[in-house]
Each structure stands twice: as structure tokens, then as C-alpha cells.
């Protein structure tokens, strides 16, 4: 089933890369897409129990749901996730070349 979560702190393709890689690594979650214009993450989940796990994973990375508290710590985590995502994107580009 297709799910959509609106998140905070989404800044760029680096953030998107980290989110896609992290959620895609969860068994039962597939087809992860990040909509930067609308601050949304969309994915298919094979079971409802995976939705809270996806939300926890996003918050752990620094991207809490829109209605959740957004502490300074979460904002800082999102900057780290963004940097990691940028490096990951660059590595994928180099591998593809």
C-alpha cells in the first residue's frame, strides 16, 4: 500500500538521497520517493506495522513529521543526514560513470 508522510527539515537532493537509502533498506518498504517541493516522502509498505518504523527512521535522521516537535537536535541531525546524502549521491554518480 502506498503511503505518504510530510516531513520537516528537507533541504536538498542530499537529504532525499539519505531518506531513500535509509527507508529502502527496511524490509517491506519499496519504491521510496522524495518530493522536495512538498516536503513529502512516498513509499510502498507491505504491512501497516512498517509505517511507525518509517516515521521513527525519518525522525532519527532529522526529518520528523510535520506535526511533531522539531528540536535543535533534530535540525542538526538533518544537516548531518544531508551531508551524508550528498556524499552518497556523489559516490553513486562516480560508480555509474
PDB file of N, CA and C in Angstrom:
ATOM      1  N   UNK A   1       0.814  -1.174   0.000  1.00  0.00           N
ATOM      2  CA  UNK A   1       0.000   0.000   0.000  1.00  0.00           C
ATOM      3  C   UNK A   1       0.869   1.254   0.000  1.00  0.00           C
ATOM      4  N   UNK A   2       0.453   2.226  -0.773  1.00  0.00           N
ATOM      5  CA  UNK A   2       1.196   3.477  -0.921  1.00  0.00           C
ATOM      6  C   UNK A   2       0.958   4.362   0.305  1.00  0.00           C
ATOM      7  N   UNK A   3       2.044   4.942   0.824  1.00  0.00           N
ATOM      8  CA  UNK A   3       1.962   5.820   1.991  1.00  0.00           C
ATOM      9  C   UNK A   3       2.650   7.137   1.684  1.00  0.00           C
ATOM     10  N   UNK A   4       2.237   8.184   2.390  1.00  0.00           N
ATOM     11  CA  UNK A   4       2.840   9.500   2.234  1.00  0.00           C
ATOM     12  C   UNK A   4       2.999  10.120   3.608  1.00  0.00           C
ATOM     13  N   UNK A   5       4.193  10.637   3.881  1.00  0.00           N
ATOM     14  CA  UNK A   5       4.481  11.293   5.143  1.00  0.00           C
ATOM     15  C   UNK A   5       5.058  12.665   4.817  1.00  0.00           C
ATOM     16  N   UNK A   6       4.490  13.701   5.403  1.00  0.00           N
ATOM     17  CA  UNK A   6       5.011  15.055   5.233  1.00  0.00           C
ATOM     18  C   UNK A   6       5.999  15.323   6.363  1.00  0.00           C
ATOM     19  N   UNK A   7       7.192  15.804   6.002  1.00  0.00           N
ATOM     20  CA  UNK A   7       8.280  15.939   6.967  1.00  0.00           C
ATOM     21  C   UNK A   7       8.814  17.370   7.040  1.00  0.00           C
ATOM     22  N   UNK A   8       9.631  17.595   8.054  1.00  0.00           N
ATOM     23  CA  UNK A   8      10.311  18.873   8.258  1.00  0.00           C
ATOM     24  C   UNK A   8      11.800  18.722   7.929  1.00  0.00           C
ATOM     25  N   UNK A   9      12.477  19.829   7.715  1.00  0.00           N
ATOM     26  CA  UNK A   9      13.933  19.918   7.556  1.00  0.00           C
ATOM     27  C   UNK A   9      14.459  19.392   6.227  1.00  0.00           C
ATOM     28  N   UNK A  10      13.609  19.111   5.277  1.00  0.00           N
ATOM     29  CA  UNK A  10      14.044  18.634   3.965  1.00  0.00           C
ATOM     30  C   UNK A  10      14.610  19.811   3.185  1.00  0.00           C
ATOM     31  N   UNK A  11      15.873  19.695   2.759  1.00  0.00           N
ATOM     32  CA  UNK A  11      16.531  20.820   2.123  1.00  0.00           C
ATOM     33  C   UNK A  11      16.950  20.580   0.682  1.00  0.00           C
ATOM     34  N   UNK A  12      17.403  19.371   0.366  1.00  0.00           N
ATOM     35  CA  UNK A  12      18.021  19.200  -0.950  1.00  0.00           C
ATOM     36  C   UNK A  12      18.052  17.728  -1.375  1.00  0.00           C
ATOM     37  N   UNK A  13      18.717  17.502  -2.489  1.00  0.00           N
ATOM     38  CA  UNK A  13      18.863  16.143  -3.010  1.00  0.00           C
ATOM     39  C   UNK A  13      19.705  15.268  -2.086  1.00  0.00           C
ATOM     40  N   UNK A  14      20.588  15.891  -1.313  1.00  0.00           N
ATOM     41  CA  UNK A  14      21.364  15.118  -0.338  1.00  0.00           C
ATOM     42  C   UNK A  14      20.458  14.520   0.720  1.00  0.00           C
ATOM     43  N   UNK A  15      19.536  15.339   1.215  1.00  0.00           N
ATOM     44  CA  UNK A  15      18.540  14.853   2.179  1.00  0.00           C
ATOM     45  C   UNK A  15      17.737  13.713   1.551  1.00  0.00           C
ATOM     46  N   UNK A  16      17.285  13.950   0.333  1.00  0.00           N
ATOM     47  CA  UNK A  16      16.475  12.944  -0.361  1.00  0.00           C
ATOM     48  C   UNK A  16      17.242  11.639  -0.514  1.00  0.00           C
ATOM     49  N   UNK A  17      18.521  11.725  -0.868  1.00  0.00           N
ATOM     50  CA  UNK A  17      19.333  10.522  -1.034  1.00  0.00           C
ATOM     51  C   UNK A  17      19.433   9.715   0.249  1.00  0.00           C
ATOM     52  N   UNK A  18      19.661  10.401   1.357  1.00  0.00           N
ATOM     53  CA  UNK A  18      19.743   9.715   2.651  1.00  0.00           C
ATOM     54  C   UNK A  18      18.407   9.054   2.989  1.00  0.00           C
ATOM     55  N   UNK A  19      17.316   9.766   2.778  1.00  0.00           N
ATOM     56  CA  UNK A  19      15.987   9.226   3.078  1.00  0.00           C
ATOM     57  C   UNK A  19      15.695   8.007   2.216  1.00  0.00           C
ATOM     58  N   UNK A  20      15.964   8.110   0.934  1.00  0.00           N
ATOM     59  CA  UNK A  20      15.697   6.986   0.022  1.00  0.00           C
ATOM     60  C   UNK A  20      16.505   5.765   0.410  1.00  0.00           C
ATOM     61  N   UNK A  21      17.803   5.947   0.653  1.00  0.00           N
ATOM     62  CA  UNK A  21      18.651   4.804   1.019  1.00  0.00           C
ATOM     63  C   UNK A  21      18.217   4.189   2.351  1.00  0.00           C
ATOM     64  N   UNK A  22      17.902   5.023   3.327  1.00  0.00           N
ATOM     65  CA  UNK A  22      17.541   4.511   4.658  1.00  0.00           C
ATOM     66  C   UNK A  22      16.213   3.768   4.651  1.00  0.00           C
ATOM     67  N   UNK A  23      15.191   4.367   4.045  1.00  0.00           N
ATOM     68  CA  UNK A  23      13.891   3.685   4.031  1.00  0.00           C
ATOM     69  C   UNK A  23      13.908   2.458   3.133  1.00  0.00           C
ATOM     70  N   UNK A  24      14.649   2.508   2.037  1.00  0.00           N
ATOM     71  CA  UNK A  24      14.725   1.361   1.127  1.00  0.00           C
ATOM     72  C   UNK A  24      15.407   0.162   1.766  1.00  0.00           C
ATOM     73  N   UNK A  25      16.206   0.408   2.809  1.00  0.00           N
ATOM     74  CA  UNK A  25      16.892  -0.700   3.478  1.00  0.00           C
ATOM     75  C   UNK A  25      15.984  -1.464   4.437  1.00  0.00           C
ATOM     76  N   UNK A  26      14.793  -0.966   4.682  1.00  0.00           N
ATOM     77  CA  UNK A  26      13.841  -1.635   5.578  1.00  0.00           C
ATOM     78  C   UNK A  26      13.057  -2.673   4.777  1.00  0.00           C
ATOM     79  N   UNK A  27      13.130  -3.917   5.208  1.00  0.00           N
ATOM     80  CA  UNK A  27      12.396  -4.989   4.536  1.00  0.00           C
ATOM     81  C   UNK A  27      10.904  -4.681   4.555  1.00  0.00           C
ATOM     82  N   UNK A  28      10.284  -4.737   3.381  1.00  0.00           N
ATOM     83  CA  UNK A  28       8.857  -4.474   3.271  1.00  0.00           C
ATOM     84  C   UNK A  28       8.529  -3.067   2.797  1.00  0.00           C
ATOM     85  N   UNK A  29       9.546  -2.204   2.720  1.00  0.00           N
ATOM     86  CA  UNK A  29       9.354  -0.850   2.192  1.00  0.00           C
ATOM     87  C   UNK A  29      10.060  -0.768   0.843  1.00  0.00           C
ATOM     88  N   UNK A  30       9.332  -0.255  -0.156  1.00  0.00           N
ATOM     89  CA  UNK A  30       9.892  -0.166  -1.512  1.00  0.00           C
ATOM     90  C   UNK A  30       9.402   1.100  -2.201  1.00  0.00           C
ATOM     91  N   UNK A  31       9.966   1.360  -3.358  1.00  0.00           N
ATOM     92  CA  UNK A  31       9.564   2.479  -4.213  1.00  0.00           C
ATOM     93  C   UNK A  31       9.525   3.796  -3.439  1.00  0.00           C
ATOM     94  N   UNK A  32      10.619   4.098  -2.732  1.00  0.00           N
ATOM     95  CA  UNK A  32      10.702   5.321  -1.935  1.00  0.00           C
ATOM     96  C   UNK A  32      10.965   6.508  -2.860  1.00  0.00           C
ATOM     97  N   UNK A  33      10.155   7.541  -2.700  1.00  0.00           N
ATOM     98  CA  UNK A  33      10.303   8.767  -3.474  1.00  0.00           C
ATOM     99  C   UNK A  33      10.227   9.954  -2.531  1.00  0.00           C
ATOM    100  N   UNK A  34      11.016  10.983  -2.835  1.00  0.00           N
ATOM    101  CA  UNK A  34      11.012  12.197  -2.026  1.00  0.00           C
ATOM    102  C   UNK A  34      10.582  13.356  -2.908  1.00  0.00           C
ATOM    103  N   UNK A  35       9.559  14.060  -2.480  1.00  0.00           N
ATOM    104  CA  UNK A  35       9.037  15.230  -3.177  1.00  0.00           C
ATOM    105  C   UNK A  35       9.523  16.468  -2.429  1.00  0.00           C
ATOM    106  N   UNK A  36      10.626  17.054  -2.911  1.00  0.00           N
ATOM    107  CA  UNK A  36      11.237  18.184  -2.218  1.00  0.00           C
ATOM    108  C   UNK A  36      10.336  19.422  -2.224  1.00  0.00           C
ATOM    109  N   UNK A  37       9.571  19.617  -3.247  1.00  0.00           N
ATOM    110  CA  UNK A  37       8.703  20.800  -3.328  1.00  0.00           C
ATOM    111  C   UNK A  37       7.614  20.791  -2.265  1.00  0.00           C
ATOM    112  N   UNK A  38       7.128  19.608  -1.926  1.00  0.00           N
ATOM    113  CA  UNK A  38       6.028  19.489  -0.965  1.00  0.00           C
ATOM    114  C   UNK A  38       6.442  18.881   0.367  1.00  0.00           C
ATOM    115  N   UNK A  39       7.759  18.666   0.554  1.00  0.00           N
ATOM    116  CA  UNK A  39       8.277  18.076   1.799  1.00  0.00           C
ATOM    117  C   UNK A  39       7.589  16.755   2.128  1.00  0.00           C
ATOM    118  N   UNK A  40       7.455  15.913   1.115  1.00  0.00           N
ATOM    119  CA  UNK A  40       6.754  14.642   1.288  1.00  0.00           C
ATOM    120  C   UNK A  40       7.642  13.458   0.932  1.00  0.00           C
ATOM    121  N   UNK A  41       7.441  12.379   1.651  1.00  0.00           N
ATOM    122  CA  UNK A  41       8.104  11.108   1.361  1.00  0.00           C
ATOM    123  C   UNK A  41       6.994  10.114   1.042  1.00  0.00           C
ATOM    124  N   UNK A  42       7.122   9.452  -0.112  1.00  0.00           N
ATOM    125  CA  UNK A  42       6.128   8.460  -0.532  1.00  0.00           C
ATOM    126  C   UNK A  42       6.825   7.111  -0.689  1.00  0.00           C
ATOM    127  N   UNK A  43       6.117   6.065  -0.321  1.00  0.00           N
ATOM    128  CA  UNK A  43       6.691   4.721  -0.429  1.00  0.00           C
ATOM    129  C   UNK A  43       5.575   3.692  -0.366  1.00  0.00           C
ATOM    130  N   UNK A  44       5.915   2.491  -0.770  1.00  0.00           N
ATOM    131  CA  UNK A  44       5.017   1.352  -0.623  1.00  0.00           C
ATOM    132  C   UNK A  44       5.435   0.587   0.628  1.00  0.00           C
ATOM    133  N   UNK A  45       4.459   0.202   1.428  1.00  0.00           N
ATOM    134  CA  UNK A  45       4.707  -0.591   2.629  1.00  0.00           C
ATOM    135  C   UNK A  45       3.886  -1.872   2.525  1.00  0.00           C
ATOM    136  N   UNK A  46       4.535  -2.990   2.734  1.00  0.00           N
ATOM    137  CA  UNK A  46       3.841  -4.269   2.624  1.00  0.00           C
ATOM    138  C   UNK A  46       2.913  -4.529   3.804  1.00  0.00           C
ATOM    139  N   UNK A  47       3.168  -3.843   4.949  1.00  0.00           N
ATOM    140  CA  UNK A  47       2.349  -4.031   6.149  1.00  0.00           C
ATOM    141  C   UNK A  47       2.182  -2.698   6.875  1.00  0.00           C
ATOM    142  N   UNK A  48       1.052  -2.521   7.520  1.00  0.00           N
ATOM    143  CA  UNK A  48       0.796  -1.284   8.277  1.00  0.00           C
ATOM    144  C   UNK A  48       1.807  -1.060   9.394  1.00  0.00           C
ATOM    145  N   UNK A  49       2.318  -2.144   9.974  1.00  0.00           N
ATOM    146  CA  UNK A  49       3.256  -2.008  11.100  1.00  0.00           C
ATOM    147  C   UNK A  49       4.551  -1.317  10.692  1.00  0.00           C
ATOM    148  N   UNK A  50       4.816  -1.211   9.388  1.00  0.00           N
ATOM    149  CA  UNK A  50       6.042  -0.568   8.913  1.00  0.00           C
ATOM    150  C   UNK A  50       5.944   0.957   8.914  1.00  0.00           C
ATOM    151  N   UNK A  51       4.743   1.504   8.995  1.00  0.00           N
ATOM    152  CA  UNK A  51       4.573   2.958   8.956  1.00  0.00           C
ATOM    153  C   UNK A  51       5.232   3.621  10.170  1.00  0.00           C
ATOM    154  N   UNK A  52       4.958   3.158  11.398  1.00  0.00           N
ATOM    155  CA  UNK A  52       5.652   3.768  12.542  1.00  0.00           C
ATOM    156  C   UNK A  52       7.171   3.602  12.456  1.00  0.00           C
ATOM    157  N   UNK A  53       7.642   2.492  11.914  1.00  0.00           N
ATOM    158  CA  UNK A  53       9.081   2.281  11.758  1.00  0.00           C
ATOM    159  C   UNK A  53       9.659   3.299  10.771  1.00  0.00           C
ATOM    160  N   UNK A  54       8.954   3.554   9.692  1.00  0.00           N
ATOM    161  CA  UNK A  54       9.399   4.561   8.722  1.00  0.00           C
ATOM    162  C   UNK A  54       9.420   5.947   9.374  1.00  0.00           C
ATOM    163  N   UNK A  55       8.398   6.273  10.143  1.00  0.00           N
ATOM    164  CA  UNK A  55       8.343   7.567  10.824  1.00  0.00           C
ATOM    165  C   UNK A  55       9.483   7.710  11.828  1.00  0.00           C
ATOM    166  N   UNK A  56       9.772   6.641  12.574  1.00  0.00           N
ATOM    167  CA  UNK A  56      10.889   6.655  13.530  1.00  0.00           C
ATOM    168  C   UNK A  56      12.213   6.843  12.806  1.00  0.00           C
ATOM    169  N   UNK A  57      12.386   6.145  11.697  1.00  0.00           N
ATOM    170  CA  UNK A  57      13.613   6.253  10.921  1.00  0.00           C
ATOM    171  C   UNK A  57      13.803   7.673  10.413  1.00  0.00           C
ATOM    172  N   UNK A  58      12.745   8.264   9.889  1.00  0.00           N
ATOM    173  CA  UNK A  58      12.823   9.642   9.405  1.00  0.00           C
ATOM    174  C   UNK A  58      13.189  10.597  10.539  1.00  0.00           C
ATOM    175  N   UNK A  59      12.549  10.452  11.691  1.00  0.00           N
ATOM    176  CA  UNK A  59      12.848  11.320  12.831  1.00  0.00           C
ATOM    177  C   UNK A  59      14.287  11.134  13.293  1.00  0.00           C
ATOM    178  N   UNK A  60      14.758   9.894  13.321  1.00  0.00           N
ATOM    179  CA  UNK A  60      16.136   9.600  13.727  1.00  0.00           C
ATOM    180  C   UNK A  60      17.141  10.283  12.789  1.00  0.00           C
ATOM    181  N   UNK A  61      16.786  10.375  11.515  1.00  0.00           N
ATOM    182  CA  UNK A  61      17.648  11.039  10.538  1.00  0.00           C
ATOM    183  C   UNK A  61      17.564  12.566  10.624  1.00  0.00           C
ATOM    184  N   UNK A  62      16.568  13.082  11.352  1.00  0.00           N
ATOM    185  CA  UNK A  62      16.398  14.522  11.486  1.00  0.00           C
ATOM    186  C   UNK A  62      15.242  15.086  10.683  1.00  0.00           C
ATOM    187  N   UNK A  63      14.342  14.214  10.241  1.00  0.00           N
ATOM    188  CA  UNK A  63      13.201  14.630   9.428  1.00  0.00           C
ATOM    189  C   UNK A  63      11.885  14.197  10.091  1.00  0.00           C
ATOM    190  N   UNK A  64      11.498  14.869  11.192  1.00  0.00           N
ATOM    191  CA  UNK A  64      10.251  14.489  11.864  1.00  0.00           C
ATOM    192  C   UNK A  64       9.030  14.845  11.016  1.00  0.00           C
ATOM    193  N   UNK A  65       7.920  14.208  11.327  1.00  0.00           N
ATOM    194  CA  UNK A  65       6.659  14.532  10.650  1.00  0.00           C
ATOM    195  C   UNK A  65       6.324  15.997  10.910  1.00  0.00           C
ATOM    196  N   UNK A  66       5.536  16.571  10.026  1.00  0.00           N
ATOM    197  CA  UNK A  66       5.193  17.990  10.095  1.00  0.00           C
ATOM    198  C   UNK A  66       4.615  18.387  11.452  1.00  0.00           C
ATOM    199  N   UNK A  67       3.767  17.590  12.032  1.00  0.00           N
ATOM    200  CA  UNK A  67       3.118  17.952  13.295  1.00  0.00           C
ATOM    201  C   UNK A  67       3.925  17.578  14.541  1.00  0.00           C
ATOM    202  N   UNK A  68       5.071  16.931  14.363  1.00  0.00           N
ATOM    203  CA  UNK A  68       5.888  16.530  15.503  1.00  0.00           C
ATOM    204  C   UNK A  68       6.838  17.652  15.911  1.00  0.00           C
ATOM    205  N   UNK A  69       7.296  17.637  17.177  1.00  0.00           N
ATOM    206  CA  UNK A  69       8.264  18.641  17.615  1.00  0.00           C
ATOM    207  C   UNK A  69       9.534  18.576  16.744  1.00  0.00           C
ATOM    208  N   UNK A  70      10.138  19.739  16.529  1.00  0.00           N
ATOM    209  CA  UNK A  70      11.334  19.832  15.691  1.00  0.00           C
ATOM    210  C   UNK A  70      12.422  20.541  16.490  1.00  0.00           C
ATOM    211  N   UNK A  71      13.112  19.783  17.315  1.00  0.00           N
ATOM    212  CA  UNK A  71      14.116  20.350  18.209  1.00  0.00           C
ATOM    213  C   UNK A  71      15.383  20.749  17.452  1.00  0.00           C
ATOM    214  N   UNK A  72      16.224  21.489  18.131  1.00  0.00           N
ATOM    215  CA  UNK A  72      17.512  21.880  17.564  1.00  0.00           C
ATOM    216  C   UNK A  72      18.345  20.635  17.236  1.00  0.00           C
ATOM    217  N   UNK A  73      18.250  19.610  18.072  1.00  0.00           N
ATOM    218  CA  UNK A  73      18.972  18.357  17.820  1.00  0.00           C
ATOM    219  C   UNK A  73      18.514  17.717  16.510  1.00  0.00           C
ATOM    220  N   UNK A  74      17.224  17.681  16.257  1.00  0.00           N
ATOM    221  CA  UNK A  74      16.718  17.106  15.005  1.00  0.00           C
ATOM    222  C   UNK A  74      17.158  17.932  13.803  1.00  0.00           C
ATOM    223  N   UNK A  75      17.161  19.247  13.952  1.00  0.00           N
ATOM    224  CA  UNK A  75      17.628  20.104  12.865  1.00  0.00           C
ATOM    225  C   UNK A  75      19.103  19.828  12.574  1.00  0.00           C
ATOM    226  N   UNK A  76      19.905  19.667  13.622  1.00  0.00           N
ATOM    227  CA  UNK A  76      21.323  19.354  13.436  1.00  0.00           C
ATOM    228  C   UNK A  76      21.501  17.987  12.772  1.00  0.00           C
ATOM    229  N   UNK A  77      20.699  17.008  13.195  1.00  0.00           N
ATOM    230  CA  UNK A  77      20.770  15.681  12.581  1.00  0.00           C
ATOM    231  C   UNK A  77      20.445  15.748  11.093  1.00  0.00           C
ATOM    232  N   UNK A  78      19.497  16.609  10.729  1.00  0.00           N
ATOM    233  CA  UNK A  78      19.137  16.713   9.313  1.00  0.00           C
ATOM    234  C   UNK A  78      20.296  17.268   8.496  1.00  0.00           C
ATOM    235  N   UNK A  79      21.086  18.182   9.072  1.00  0.00           N
ATOM    236  CA  UNK A  79      22.257  18.699   8.356  1.00  0.00           C
ATOM    237  C   UNK A  79      23.287  17.598   8.139  1.00  0.00           C
ATOM    238  N   UNK A  80      23.485  16.756   9.155  1.00  0.00           N
ATOM    239  CA  UNK A  80      24.413  15.626   9.012  1.00  0.00           C
ATOM    240  C   UNK A  80      23.886  14.648   7.970  1.00  0.00           C
ATOM    241  N   UNK A  81      22.593  14.329   8.034  1.00  0.00           N
ATOM    242  CA  UNK A  81      21.994  13.422   7.050  1.00  0.00           C
ATOM    243  C   UNK A  81      22.115  13.990   5.640  1.00  0.00           C
ATOM    244  N   UNK A  82      21.949  15.292   5.524  1.00  0.00           N
ATOM    245  CA  UNK A  82      22.071  15.963   4.234  1.00  0.00           C
ATOM    246  C   UNK A  82      23.482  15.773   3.683  1.00  0.00           C
ATOM    247  N   UNK A  83      24.496  16.011   4.518  1.00  0.00           N
ATOM    248  CA  UNK A  83      25.887  15.866   4.083  1.00  0.00           C
ATOM    249  C   UNK A  83      26.187  14.429   3.687  1.00  0.00           C
ATOM    250  N   UNK A  84      25.727  13.483   4.484  1.00  0.00           N
ATOM    251  CA  UNK A  84      25.930  12.066   4.169  1.00  0.00           C
ATOM    252  C   UNK A  84      25.249  11.728   2.839  1.00  0.00           C
ATOM    253  N   UNK A  85      24.065  12.254   2.641  1.00  0.00           N
ATOM    254  CA  UNK A  85      23.333  12.015   1.394  1.00  0.00           C
ATOM    255  C   UNK A  85      24.046  12.582   0.186  1.00  0.00           C
ATOM    256  N   UNK A  86      24.631  13.759   0.339  1.00  0.00           N
ATOM    257  CA  UNK A  86      25.380  14.367  -0.773  1.00  0.00           C
ATOM    258  C   UNK A  86      26.578  13.505  -1.149  1.00  0.00           C
ATOM    259  N   UNK A  87      27.296  13.025  -0.141  1.00  0.00           N
ATOM    260  CA  UNK A  87      28.443  12.155  -0.409  1.00  0.00           C
ATOM    261  C   UNK A  87      27.964  10.869  -1.078  1.00  0.00           C
ATOM    262  N   UNK A  88      26.892  10.296  -0.576  1.00  0.00           N
ATOM    263  CA  UNK A  88      26.336   9.081  -1.177  1.00  0.00           C
ATOM    264  C   UNK A  88      25.925   9.290  -2.616  1.00  0.00           C
ATOM    265  N   UNK A  89      25.302  10.428  -2.901  1.00  0.00           N
ATOM    266  CA  UNK A  89      24.899  10.741  -4.275  1.00  0.00           C
ATOM    267  C   UNK A  89      26.117  10.858  -5.180  1.00  0.00           C
ATOM    268  N   UNK A  90      27.176  11.513  -4.688  1.00  0.00           N
ATOM    269  CA  UNK A  90      28.403  11.650  -5.481  1.00  0.00           C
ATOM    270  C   UNK A  90      29.039  10.286  -5.761  1.00  0.00           C
ATOM    271  N   UNK A  91      29.042   9.413  -4.770  1.00  0.00           N
ATOM    272  CA  UNK A  91      29.617   8.075  -4.940  1.00  0.00           C
ATOM    273  C   UNK A  91      28.817   7.286  -5.958  1.00  0.00           C
ATOM    274  N   UNK A  92      27.484   7.407  -5.921  1.00  0.00           N
ATOM    275  CA  UNK A  92      26.651   6.707  -6.892  1.00  0.00           C
ATOM    276  C   UNK A  92      26.904   7.223  -8.303  1.00  0.00           C
ATOM    277  N   UNK A  93      27.091   8.536  -8.427  1.00  0.00           N
ATOM    278  CA  UNK A  93      27.383   9.126  -9.748  1.00  0.00           C
ATOM    279  C   UNK A  93      28.717   8.626 -10.281  1.00  0.00           C
ATOM    280  N   UNK A  94      29.729   8.561  -9.414  1.00  0.00           N
ATOM    281  CA  UNK A  94      31.038   8.081  -9.844  1.00  0.00           C
ATOM    282  C   UNK A  94      30.984   6.614 -10.249  1.00  0.00           C
ATOM    283  N   UNK A  95      30.237   5.817  -9.506  1.00  0.00           N
ATOM    284  CA  UNK A  95      30.108   4.393  -9.815  1.00  0.00           C
ATOM    285  C   UNK A  95      29.397   4.203 -11.147  1.00  0.00           C
ATOM    286  N   UNK A  96      28.418   5.044 -11.418  1.00  0.00           N
ATOM    287  CA  UNK A  96      27.658   4.934 -12.669  1.00  0.00           C
ATOM    288  C   UNK A  96      28.478   5.359 -13.889  1.00  0.00           C
ATOM    289  N   UNK A  97      29.510   6.172 -13.667  1.00  0.00           N
ATOM    290  CA  UNK A  97      30.321   6.665 -14.787  1.00  0.00           C
ATOM    291  C   UNK A  97      31.256   5.634 -15.340  1.00  0.00           C
TER     292      UNK A  97
END
